[in-house]
């Protein structure tokens, strides 16, 4: 509940007091304060709760413990139950120090005895209560921020794995650019795994929607995919298993995921490609870049149990392959309606065709970041996986040219 303010920016105070004399005394004391707050009065607890829950909260509540509908600590607990964001200063009568201490233990921020009340002590108590409440709120916000950061770190470890490679003939470059909402990563995911026979498997995917549920589902699918690969399932069978996993774990029936899978046999002469509703990919060969979009099937989850995903075999001849999610090219120029699109991405890639794998991927990412910087960043996450040839070491195998 946001605190109300007077028109001049002064603090506002709600006085909950049924005694006219005491109310007048408090009003006079507050009027003598250097920065006199704006005072609102309630004559019983029910009226106070109605004011607290029906509009902007005051900066502080002065609460009498002897009300027609509430008495003692019960007044504090009931008020804080219905308006937990209110900083409360309790006003007690004669010989009620124990009641004041009990009220503080129940959640009040300070207590004052009416018998020793004066303008200075009242002003000081209000300021103390307000500052203490602000510290409490800041502490809660910091704790939530830390928890959110820990949650992000766990999701990042799941979404952004370290490639599992056993040989050094392939060079893998990966990047993940979060969208404008940094509270959570989205549902984009990727992975690279080399099995004992030398085959290298690559996957990239994008779960529809944004938020914690989609991010968690992306982690689930990536871990499941790696498990299926290490268990020795074939590419076509693996795609069907991924769909079964998505259907079992998704929060709603309209959630789907696009996926592209690559399989590099040990001889590295070709690559097998399975595409499930995902965008095409880029082929880099001899300083040129081409768009390649093999035959594919529907996204996972659109036709549960009834989809077919063809496997396409592509001769490599030394070509490097670049996989990505649609966040890399579905950004708008200058905040307008025109998007980069697939043709725009291809043109951008061709301008950087001579760069090394790391610099090439960074150039694509940098273009997206620069173009959207003045508009809050990318609206969607972007993942990129570049699979090329490691020419810096002799792996015992050379790609055909």
Protein backbone atom coordinates (compact mmCIF):
# COMPACT_ATOMS: atom_id res chain seq x y z
CA UNK A 1 0.00 0.00 0.00
CA UNK A 2 1.57 3.32 -1.07
CA UNK A 3 1.72 6.11 1.51
CA UNK A 4 -0.49 9.13 0.99
CA UNK A 5 1.03 12.62 0.89
CA UNK A 6 -0.30 16.07 1.53
CA UNK A 7 -0.40 18.46 -1.39
CA UNK A 8 2.81 20.07 -0.11
CA UNK A 9 4.56 16.69 0.18
CA UNK A 10 4.15 16.53 3.97
CA UNK A 11 3.55 13.26 5.82
CA UNK A 12 0.07 12.02 6.59
CA UNK A 13 -0.98 10.54 9.91
CA UNK A 14 -4.10 8.55 10.81
CA UNK A 15 -5.18 9.03 14.43
CA UNK A 16 -7.39 6.24 15.81
CA UNK A 17 -8.87 7.78 18.96
CA UNK A 18 -12.41 7.95 20.34
CA UNK A 19 -11.71 10.48 23.11
CA UNK A 20 -12.31 14.04 21.88
CA UNK A 21 -9.95 15.61 24.43
CA UNK A 22 -7.06 13.30 23.61
CA UNK A 23 -7.67 13.76 19.89
CA UNK A 24 -7.55 17.54 20.26
CA UNK A 25 -4.31 17.30 22.26
CA UNK A 26 -2.63 15.18 19.57
CA UNK A 27 -3.84 17.55 16.87
CA UNK A 28 -2.32 20.53 18.72
CA UNK A 29 1.00 18.74 19.27
CA UNK A 30 1.26 17.70 15.61
CA UNK A 31 0.44 21.26 14.56
CA UNK A 32 3.47 22.46 16.55
CA UNK A 33 5.84 20.10 14.73
CA UNK A 34 8.43 21.69 12.34
CA UNK A 35 6.87 19.87 9.38
CA UNK A 36 3.28 19.44 10.50
CA UNK A 37 1.72 16.29 8.99
CA UNK A 38 -1.77 16.14 7.54
CA UNK A 39 -4.02 14.47 10.14
CA UNK A 40 -6.94 12.13 9.47
CA UNK A 41 -9.00 10.70 12.32
CA UNK A 42 -10.94 7.49 12.92
CA UNK A 43 -13.02 6.98 16.06
CA UNK A 44 -12.90 3.18 16.16
CA UNK A 45 -10.91 0.30 14.67
CA UNK A 46 -13.47 -0.60 12.00
CA UNK A 47 -13.39 2.95 10.66
CA UNK A 48 -9.57 2.92 10.71
CA UNK A 49 -9.35 -0.35 8.76
CA UNK A 50 -11.79 1.01 6.20
CA UNK A 51 -9.60 4.07 5.68
CA UNK A 52 -6.42 2.01 5.51
CA UNK A 53 -7.73 -0.50 3.00
CA UNK A 54 -9.80 1.86 0.88
CA UNK A 55 -7.11 4.19 -0.43
CA UNK A 56 -3.48 5.34 -0.12
CA UNK A 57 -1.93 4.41 3.22
CA UNK A 58 -0.88 7.12 5.67
CA UNK A 59 2.77 7.43 6.61
CA UNK A 60 1.95 6.51 10.20
CA UNK A 61 -0.95 5.36 12.40
CA UNK A 62 -1.39 6.65 15.96
CA UNK A 63 -3.45 3.97 17.69
CA UNK A 64 -5.21 4.27 21.04
CA UNK A 65 -5.46 0.97 22.90
CA UNK A 66 -8.90 1.77 24.38
CA UNK A 67 -11.40 1.83 21.52
CA UNK A 68 -15.12 1.02 21.46
CA UNK A 69 -14.51 -2.06 19.29
CA UNK A 70 -10.97 -3.11 20.27
CA UNK A 71 -8.91 -3.13 23.46
CA UNK A 72 -5.22 -3.53 24.25
CA UNK A 73 -2.96 -5.70 22.11
CA UNK A 74 -6.02 -6.99 20.25
CA UNK A 75 -6.33 -3.56 18.60
CA UNK A 76 -2.78 -3.82 17.25
CA UNK A 77 -3.07 -7.38 15.95
CA UNK A 78 -6.39 -6.72 14.25
CA UNK A 79 -5.20 -3.53 12.61
CA UNK A 80 -1.98 -5.12 11.33
CA UNK A 81 -3.91 -8.15 10.13
CA UNK A 82 -6.08 -6.01 7.87
CA UNK A 83 -3.44 -3.38 7.03
CA UNK A 84 -0.02 -5.06 7.40
CA UNK A 85 1.87 -2.24 5.69
CA UNK A 86 1.00 0.44 8.24
CA UNK A 87 3.70 1.74 10.65
CA UNK A 88 1.99 1.99 14.06
CA UNK A 89 2.69 4.11 17.15
CA UNK A 90 0.58 3.06 20.15
CA UNK A 91 -0.82 5.63 22.59
CA UNK A 92 -1.24 4.24 26.11
CA UNK A 93 -2.82 5.58 29.29
CA UNK A 94 -1.43 5.86 32.79
CA UNK A 95 0.52 2.88 34.19
CA UNK A 96 0.28 0.97 30.92
CA UNK A 97 3.95 0.45 30.14
CA UNK A 98 3.46 -3.31 30.03
CA UNK A 99 0.63 -2.86 27.54
CA UNK A 100 2.88 -0.65 25.39
CA UNK A 101 5.67 -3.23 25.42
CA UNK A 102 3.18 -5.97 24.53
CA UNK A 103 1.90 -3.83 21.66
CA UNK A 104 5.45 -3.45 20.30
CA UNK A 105 5.94 -7.19 20.59
CA UNK A 106 2.74 -7.64 18.57
CA UNK A 107 4.05 -5.49 15.72
CA UNK A 108 3.72 -1.84 16.72
CA UNK A 109 6.82 0.24 16.01
CA UNK A 110 6.73 2.44 19.15
CA UNK A 111 4.55 3.34 22.12
CA UNK A 112 3.97 6.63 23.95
CA UNK A 113 2.25 7.35 27.24
CA UNK A 114 -0.42 10.02 26.98
CA UNK A 115 0.57 11.32 30.41
CA UNK A 116 4.06 12.30 29.20
CA UNK A 117 3.14 13.25 25.65
CA UNK A 118 4.72 16.39 24.17
CA UNK A 119 5.24 17.71 20.62
CA UNK A 120 8.90 16.64 20.44
CA UNK A 121 8.36 13.05 21.62
CA UNK A 122 5.33 12.64 19.36
CA UNK A 123 7.19 13.96 16.30
CA UNK A 124 10.21 11.78 17.10
CA UNK A 125 8.07 8.65 17.55
CA UNK A 126 6.32 9.19 14.21
CA UNK A 127 9.60 9.73 12.37
CA UNK A 128 11.12 6.66 14.04
CA UNK A 129 8.15 4.48 13.12
CA UNK A 130 8.20 5.65 9.50
CA UNK A 131 11.95 5.09 9.15
CA UNK A 132 11.78 1.68 10.77
CA UNK A 133 9.00 0.64 8.39
CA UNK A 134 11.04 1.88 5.44
CA UNK A 135 13.99 -0.21 6.61
CA UNK A 136 11.73 -3.24 6.96
CA UNK A 137 10.42 -2.77 3.42
CA UNK A 138 13.93 -2.30 2.04
CA UNK A 139 15.08 -5.44 3.85
CA UNK A 140 12.20 -7.46 2.40
CA UNK A 141 12.89 -6.09 -1.10
CA UNK A 142 16.58 -6.95 -0.76
CA UNK A 143 15.77 -10.46 0.40
CA UNK A 144 13.37 -10.96 -2.50
CA UNK A 145 15.99 -9.62 -4.90
CA UNK A 146 18.56 -12.09 -3.57
CA UNK A 147 16.11 -14.96 -3.83
CA UNK A 148 15.28 -13.91 -7.40
CA UNK A 149 19.00 -13.75 -8.24
CA UNK A 150 19.51 -17.25 -6.81
CA UNK A 151 16.54 -18.49 -8.83
CA UNK A 152 17.99 -16.90 -11.97
CA UNK A 153 21.35 -18.54 -11.32
CA UNK A 154 19.73 -21.96 -10.98
CA UNK A 155 17.77 -21.44 -14.20
CA UNK A 156 20.86 -20.19 -16.01
CA UNK A 157 22.78 -23.31 -15.03
CA UNK A 158 19.94 -25.38 -16.47
CA UNK A 159 19.35 -23.33 -19.62
CA UNK A 160 22.98 -22.50 -20.40
CA UNK A 161 24.94 -25.75 -20.08
CA UNK A 162 28.62 -26.35 -20.80
CA UNK A 163 28.96 -28.36 -24.05
CA UNK A 164 29.93 -31.97 -23.35
CA UNK A 165 32.64 -32.69 -25.97
CA UNK A 166 35.13 -35.55 -25.95
CA UNK A 167 37.22 -34.55 -29.00
CA UNK A 168 38.51 -31.22 -30.26
CA UNK A 169 37.67 -31.31 -33.96
CA UNK A 170 34.48 -29.28 -33.52
CA UNK A 171 34.42 -25.71 -32.17
CA UNK A 172 31.19 -24.71 -30.43
CA UNK A 173 30.29 -21.08 -29.67
CA UNK A 174 27.16 -20.34 -27.64
CA UNK A 175 25.46 -17.14 -26.56
CA UNK A 176 22.26 -16.34 -24.65
CA UNK A 177 20.85 -12.81 -24.64
CA UNK A 178 17.99 -12.32 -22.17
CA UNK A 179 15.02 -10.18 -23.19
CA UNK A 180 14.06 -6.93 -21.48
CA UNK A 181 12.53 -8.64 -18.44
CA UNK A 182 15.61 -9.71 -16.48
CA UNK A 183 13.64 -11.17 -13.58
CA UNK A 184 13.72 -14.51 -15.26
CA UNK A 185 15.23 -16.01 -18.34
CA UNK A 186 12.72 -17.24 -20.88
CA UNK A 187 12.15 -20.67 -22.32
CA UNK A 188 14.98 -20.67 -24.90
CA UNK A 189 17.40 -23.56 -24.37
CA UNK A 190 20.28 -25.35 -26.08
CA UNK A 191 22.74 -28.17 -25.47
CA UNK A 192 25.68 -29.95 -27.12
CA UNK A 193 26.64 -33.53 -26.26
CA UNK A 194 29.18 -35.92 -27.80
CA UNK A 195 28.54 -39.61 -27.18
CA UNK A 196 31.21 -42.29 -26.77
CA UNK A 197 31.09 -43.28 -30.45
CA UNK A 198 32.16 -39.77 -31.46
CA UNK A 199 28.75 -38.56 -32.66
CA UNK A 200 28.02 -34.93 -31.69
CA UNK A 201 24.40 -34.01 -30.95
CA UNK A 202 23.15 -30.42 -30.83
CA UNK A 203 19.75 -29.04 -29.87
CA UNK A 204 18.23 -25.58 -29.71
CA UNK A 205 14.65 -24.87 -28.66
CA UNK A 206 12.17 -22.19 -27.67
CA UNK A 207 9.19 -22.70 -25.35
CA UNK A 208 6.25 -20.44 -26.18
CA UNK A 209 5.49 -17.67 -23.69
CA UNK A 210 7.61 -15.91 -21.08
CA UNK A 211 8.06 -16.33 -17.37
CA UNK A 212 9.01 -18.77 -14.66
CA UNK A 213 6.88 -21.66 -15.93
CA UNK A 214 8.33 -21.41 -19.45
CA UNK A 215 11.88 -21.11 -18.14
CA UNK A 216 11.40 -24.17 -15.92
CA UNK A 217 9.93 -26.12 -18.85
CA UNK A 218 12.92 -25.14 -20.98
CA UNK A 219 15.27 -26.52 -18.34
CA UNK A 220 13.19 -29.69 -18.14
CA UNK A 221 13.32 -30.25 -21.91
CA UNK A 222 17.05 -29.61 -22.10
CA UNK A 223 17.87 -32.04 -19.29
CA UNK A 224 15.50 -34.61 -20.79
CA UNK A 225 17.13 -34.20 -24.22
CA UNK A 226 20.61 -34.75 -22.77
CA UNK A 227 19.36 -37.82 -20.93
CA UNK A 228 17.83 -39.25 -24.13
CA UNK A 229 21.09 -38.64 -26.02
CA UNK A 230 23.24 -40.32 -23.37
CA UNK A 231 20.77 -43.22 -23.26
CA UNK A 232 21.39 -43.82 -26.97
CA UNK A 233 17.99 -42.98 -28.46
CA UNK A 234 17.87 -42.13 -32.16
CA UNK A 235 17.18 -38.62 -33.46
CA UNK A 236 13.63 -39.27 -34.69
CA UNK A 237 12.68 -41.21 -31.55
CA UNK A 238 14.21 -38.52 -29.35
CA UNK A 239 11.99 -35.80 -30.83
CA UNK A 240 8.88 -37.81 -30.02
CA UNK A 241 10.08 -38.37 -26.47
CA UNK A 242 10.70 -34.66 -26.07
CA UNK A 243 7.12 -33.98 -27.10
CA UNK A 244 5.85 -36.49 -24.56
CA UNK A 245 7.89 -34.72 -21.89
CA UNK A 246 6.52 -31.32 -22.90
CA UNK A 247 2.91 -32.53 -22.84
CA UNK A 248 3.43 -34.08 -19.41
CA UNK A 249 5.10 -31.01 -17.88
CA UNK A 250 3.43 -28.02 -19.53
CA UNK A 251 1.10 -25.83 -17.46
CA UNK A 252 -1.51 -25.38 -20.22
CA UNK A 253 -2.50 -27.23 -23.38
CA UNK A 254 -1.65 -24.26 -25.61
CA UNK A 255 2.04 -24.30 -24.62
CA UNK A 256 4.34 -25.59 -27.35
CA UNK A 257 8.04 -25.62 -28.16
CA UNK A 258 10.01 -25.27 -31.39
CA UNK A 259 13.15 -27.38 -31.70
CA UNK A 260 16.01 -28.05 -34.13
CA UNK A 261 18.33 -31.00 -33.58
CA UNK A 262 21.64 -31.77 -35.32
CA UNK A 263 23.56 -35.02 -35.37
CA UNK A 264 27.17 -35.06 -36.65
CA UNK A 265 28.33 -38.64 -37.33
CA UNK A 266 31.91 -39.54 -36.38
CA UNK A 267 33.20 -39.04 -39.96
CA UNK A 268 31.88 -35.42 -39.94
CA UNK A 269 31.09 -35.60 -43.68
CA UNK A 270 27.43 -34.75 -43.19
CA UNK A 271 24.90 -33.70 -40.59
CA UNK A 272 21.43 -35.04 -39.88
CA UNK A 273 18.83 -32.37 -39.15
CA UNK A 274 15.41 -32.61 -37.50
CA UNK A 275 13.30 -29.43 -37.40
CA UNK A 276 10.09 -29.11 -35.35
CA UNK A 277 8.51 -25.74 -36.10
CA UNK A 278 11.82 -23.94 -35.53
CA UNK A 279 13.35 -21.27 -37.82
CA UNK A 280 15.94 -22.30 -40.39
CA UNK A 281 19.68 -22.07 -39.83
CA UNK A 282 22.73 -20.42 -41.38
CA UNK A 283 25.44 -22.24 -43.36
CA UNK A 284 28.89 -20.62 -43.33
CA UNK A 285 31.27 -21.89 -45.99
CA UNK A 286 34.32 -20.25 -47.58
CA UNK A 287 33.42 -16.69 -46.56
CA UNK A 288 29.79 -17.01 -47.64
CA UNK A 289 26.60 -17.35 -45.62
CA UNK A 290 23.42 -19.05 -46.83
CA UNK A 291 20.01 -19.64 -45.27
CA UNK A 292 19.13 -23.32 -44.97
CA UNK A 293 15.65 -24.49 -44.03
CA UNK A 294 15.28 -28.26 -44.26
CA UNK A 295 11.94 -30.01 -44.38
CA UNK A 296 10.35 -30.05 -40.96
CA UNK A 297 7.34 -30.99 -38.88
CA UNK A 298 5.12 -29.08 -36.45
CA UNK A 299 6.27 -27.63 -33.15
CA UNK A 300 6.23 -30.00 -30.18
CA UNK A 301 2.86 -30.09 -28.46
CA UNK A 302 0.71 -28.88 -31.37
CA UNK A 303 -0.30 -32.39 -32.49
CA UNK A 304 0.57 -34.62 -29.55
CA UNK A 305 1.21 -38.15 -30.73
CA UNK A 306 0.27 -37.42 -34.34
CA UNK A 307 3.24 -35.48 -35.69
CA UNK A 308 6.03 -36.70 -37.96
CA UNK A 309 9.44 -35.05 -38.12
CA UNK A 310 11.52 -35.99 -41.17
CA UNK A 311 15.28 -36.39 -40.86
CA UNK A 312 17.28 -34.50 -43.49
CA UNK A 313 20.89 -35.40 -44.32
CA UNK A 314 23.04 -32.45 -45.39
CA UNK A 315 26.59 -32.84 -46.83
CA UNK A 316 28.90 -30.55 -44.92
CA UNK A 317 31.94 -29.98 -47.15
CA UNK A 318 33.54 -28.02 -44.33
CA UNK A 319 30.51 -25.81 -43.64
CA UNK A 320 29.80 -24.38 -40.21
CA UNK A 321 26.19 -24.27 -38.96
CA UNK A 322 24.56 -21.53 -36.92
CA UNK A 323 21.39 -22.26 -34.94
CA UNK A 324 19.34 -19.56 -33.22
CA UNK A 325 15.96 -18.76 -31.71
CA UNK A 326 13.61 -16.21 -33.25
CA UNK A 327 14.53 -13.54 -30.71
CA UNK A 328 17.67 -12.95 -32.81
CA UNK A 329 15.69 -11.59 -35.77
CA UNK A 330 12.21 -10.70 -34.46
CA UNK A 331 13.24 -7.27 -33.19
CA UNK A 332 11.88 -3.99 -34.55
CA UNK A 333 13.74 -1.14 -36.21
CA UNK A 334 13.69 2.02 -34.13
CA UNK A 335 10.69 0.89 -32.13
CA UNK A 336 8.51 0.86 -35.25
CA UNK A 337 6.48 -1.98 -36.74
CA UNK A 338 9.16 -3.24 -39.16
CA UNK A 339 11.10 -6.28 -37.95
CA UNK A 340 14.55 -7.47 -39.02
CA UNK A 341 13.15 -10.81 -40.16
CA UNK A 342 14.92 -13.80 -41.67
CA UNK A 343 16.08 -11.94 -44.79
CA UNK A 344 17.42 -9.12 -42.68
CA UNK A 345 19.31 -11.58 -40.46
CA UNK A 346 20.84 -13.23 -43.53
CA UNK A 347 21.97 -9.85 -44.89
CA UNK A 348 23.44 -8.97 -41.49
CA UNK A 349 25.25 -12.31 -41.31
CA UNK A 350 26.72 -11.85 -44.80
CA UNK A 351 28.21 -8.50 -43.77
CA UNK A 352 30.15 -10.33 -41.06
CA UNK A 353 30.88 -13.53 -43.00
CA UNK A 354 34.67 -13.20 -42.73
CA UNK A 355 34.72 -13.06 -38.92
CA UNK A 356 35.81 -15.86 -36.60
CA UNK A 357 33.02 -17.90 -34.96
CA UNK A 358 33.15 -15.96 -31.68
CA UNK A 359 33.28 -12.56 -33.42
CA UNK A 360 30.57 -13.59 -35.91
CA UNK A 361 28.12 -14.55 -33.17
CA UNK A 362 29.00 -11.48 -31.12
CA UNK A 363 28.36 -9.26 -34.15
CA UNK A 364 24.83 -10.66 -34.54
CA UNK A 365 24.12 -10.23 -30.84
CA UNK A 366 25.60 -6.72 -30.80
CA UNK A 367 23.42 -5.64 -33.73
CA UNK A 368 20.29 -6.75 -31.87
CA UNK A 369 21.39 -5.05 -28.64
CA UNK A 370 22.29 -1.79 -30.38
CA UNK A 371 19.08 -1.61 -32.41
CA UNK A 372 16.85 -2.11 -29.36
CA UNK A 373 18.88 -0.28 -26.70
CA UNK A 374 16.72 2.85 -26.78
CA UNK A 375 13.52 0.81 -26.45
CA UNK A 376 14.27 -1.30 -23.40
CA UNK A 377 16.19 -4.09 -25.12
CA UNK A 378 14.97 -7.21 -26.86
CA UNK A 379 11.35 -8.16 -26.29
CA UNK A 380 12.30 -11.85 -26.46
CA UNK A 381 15.33 -13.92 -25.47
CA UNK A 382 17.83 -14.87 -28.17
CA UNK A 383 19.98 -18.01 -28.10
CA UNK A 384 22.72 -18.78 -30.65
CA UNK A 385 24.79 -21.94 -31.20
CA UNK A 386 27.61 -21.86 -33.77
CA UNK A 387 29.14 -25.26 -34.66
CA UNK A 388 32.30 -25.03 -36.78
CA UNK A 389 35.67 -26.63 -37.21
CA UNK A 390 38.56 -26.30 -34.82
CA UNK A 391 41.54 -25.57 -37.07
CA UNK A 392 43.89 -24.60 -34.25
CA UNK A 393 44.78 -28.20 -33.32
CA UNK A 394 45.34 -31.37 -35.28
CA UNK A 395 42.43 -33.66 -34.47
CA UNK A 396 43.47 -36.38 -36.92
CA UNK A 397 40.54 -35.51 -39.24
CA UNK A 398 40.19 -32.78 -41.85
CA UNK A 399 36.87 -31.63 -43.35
CA UNK A 400 36.44 -32.06 -47.07
CA UNK A 401 36.95 -28.94 -49.21
